[in-house]
Amino acid sequence: MQGLMARYHAQEGQADLVERTLRRMAEAVRADEPACLVYRAARSTEDPDVFVLYEEYTDEQALLAHRETPHFRALIEGVIVPALRSREREILVPLLDRPEDPRSTS
């Protein structure tokens, strides 16, 4: 499994655009990337211009493929990156299995 954590710092006045676009991105990932196991985005309550993303993929190839999708190029590279002051990314190897969904039934 391969993970990714990213922190986005939106330019002043661009945070709502970043949020809307991240929501669109999540929909596209769910619809088109079965090898993406987790795609989560959160907005800071302390600084509304800051976003944190956490993603997990079945393997490194799936993460690399994610970056080549039309929706990544259009939404992340085309809309979000130009609206950011900065971004940091870190590749991770998850240590724990995903917790089971407590809503699921046996």
Protein backbone atom coordinates (compact mmCIF):
# COMPACT_ATOMS: atom_id res chain seq x y z
CA MET A 1 0.00 0.00 0.00
CA GLN A 2 1.13 3.56 -0.68
CA GLY A 3 -0.10 6.69 1.07
CA LEU A 4 0.17 10.39 0.42
CA MET A 5 -0.36 13.36 2.69
CA ALA A 6 -0.52 16.86 1.26
CA ARG A 7 -0.96 20.27 2.85
CA TYR A 8 -2.27 23.08 0.68
CA HIS A 9 -2.07 26.77 1.61
CA ALA A 10 -4.54 28.72 -0.51
CA GLN A 11 -3.87 32.24 -1.67
CA GLU A 12 -5.99 34.88 0.02
CA GLY A 13 -9.53 34.75 -1.34
CA GLN A 14 -9.04 31.36 -3.08
CA ALA A 15 -9.92 28.90 -0.28
CA ASP A 16 -13.56 28.43 -1.30
CA LEU A 17 -12.47 27.65 -4.85
CA VAL A 18 -9.98 25.09 -3.51
CA GLU A 19 -12.69 23.48 -1.36
CA ARG A 20 -15.19 23.24 -4.24
CA THR A 21 -12.55 21.78 -6.51
CA LEU A 22 -11.42 19.22 -3.93
CA ARG A 23 -15.04 18.07 -3.65
CA ARG A 24 -15.18 17.62 -7.43
CA MET A 25 -11.86 15.79 -7.34
CA ALA A 26 -13.10 13.38 -4.67
CA GLU A 27 -16.13 12.54 -6.83
CA ALA A 28 -13.91 11.85 -9.84
CA VAL A 29 -11.52 9.69 -7.82
CA ARG A 30 -14.42 7.64 -6.40
CA ALA A 31 -15.90 7.16 -9.87
CA ASP A 32 -12.72 6.44 -11.84
CA GLU A 33 -9.97 5.12 -9.55
CA PRO A 34 -10.78 1.77 -7.92
CA ALA A 35 -7.14 1.45 -6.78
CA CYS A 36 -7.60 4.52 -4.56
CA LEU A 37 -8.65 3.12 -1.20
CA VAL A 38 -8.92 6.42 0.71
CA TYR A 39 -9.26 9.97 -0.56
CA ARG A 40 -9.91 12.44 2.26
CA ALA A 41 -9.65 16.22 2.37
CA ALA A 42 -10.11 18.48 5.39
CA ARG A 43 -10.08 22.24 5.93
CA SER A 44 -8.43 23.74 9.00
CA THR A 45 -10.66 25.36 11.60
CA GLU A 46 -7.70 27.47 12.78
CA ASP A 47 -6.72 28.75 9.34
CA PRO A 48 -9.43 28.34 6.68
CA ASP A 49 -6.82 28.80 3.93
CA VAL A 50 -5.17 25.48 4.91
CA PHE A 51 -6.26 22.07 3.58
CA VAL A 52 -4.90 18.62 4.40
CA LEU A 53 -5.35 15.65 2.09
CA TYR A 54 -4.78 12.01 2.96
CA GLU A 55 -4.85 9.35 0.27
CA GLU A 56 -4.14 5.61 0.15
CA TYR A 57 -3.60 3.51 -2.95
CA THR A 58 -3.20 -0.21 -3.48
CA ASP A 59 0.42 0.31 -4.54
CA GLU A 60 2.93 2.80 -5.91
CA GLN A 61 1.72 2.24 -9.49
CA ALA A 62 -1.81 3.28 -8.50
CA LEU A 63 -0.49 6.49 -6.92
CA LEU A 64 1.55 7.27 -10.03
CA ALA A 65 -1.47 6.52 -12.24
CA HIS A 66 -3.58 8.91 -10.13
CA ARG A 67 -1.28 11.78 -11.11
CA GLU A 68 -1.78 10.98 -14.80
CA THR A 69 -5.59 11.02 -14.80
CA PRO A 70 -7.45 13.71 -16.75
CA HIS A 71 -9.23 14.84 -13.57
CA PHE A 72 -5.92 15.28 -11.68
CA ARG A 73 -4.50 17.33 -14.52
CA ALA A 74 -7.64 19.45 -14.93
CA LEU A 75 -8.63 19.95 -11.30
CA ILE A 76 -5.43 19.76 -9.26
CA GLU A 77 -2.89 21.07 -11.74
CA GLY A 78 -5.30 23.29 -13.67
CA VAL A 79 -7.39 24.86 -10.90
CA ILE A 80 -5.99 24.20 -7.43
CA VAL A 81 -2.23 24.62 -7.92
CA PRO A 82 -2.61 28.12 -9.44
CA ALA A 83 -4.77 29.07 -6.40
CA LEU A 84 -2.14 28.03 -3.84
CA ARG A 85 0.57 29.94 -2.01
CA SER A 86 2.33 26.66 -1.30
CA ARG A 87 1.89 22.93 -1.01
CA GLU A 88 3.81 20.18 0.67
CA ARG A 89 3.49 16.49 -0.17
CA GLU A 90 4.84 13.41 1.53
CA ILE A 91 4.70 9.78 0.41
CA LEU A 92 3.85 7.38 3.22
CA VAL A 93 3.68 3.67 3.91
CA PRO A 94 0.63 2.96 6.10
CA LEU A 95 1.50 0.96 9.22
CA LEU A 96 -1.98 -0.14 10.23
CA ASP A 97 -4.81 -1.70 8.30
CA ARG A 98 -7.84 0.45 7.67
CA PRO A 99 -10.31 0.15 10.54
CA GLU A 100 -13.47 -1.72 9.77
CA ASP A 101 -16.53 0.40 9.19
CA PRO A 102 -18.58 0.21 12.42
CA ARG A 103 -21.73 0.59 10.31
CA SER A 104 -21.06 -2.64 8.42
CA THR A 105 -22.88 -5.75 9.53
CA SER A 106 -21.49 -9.25 9.75
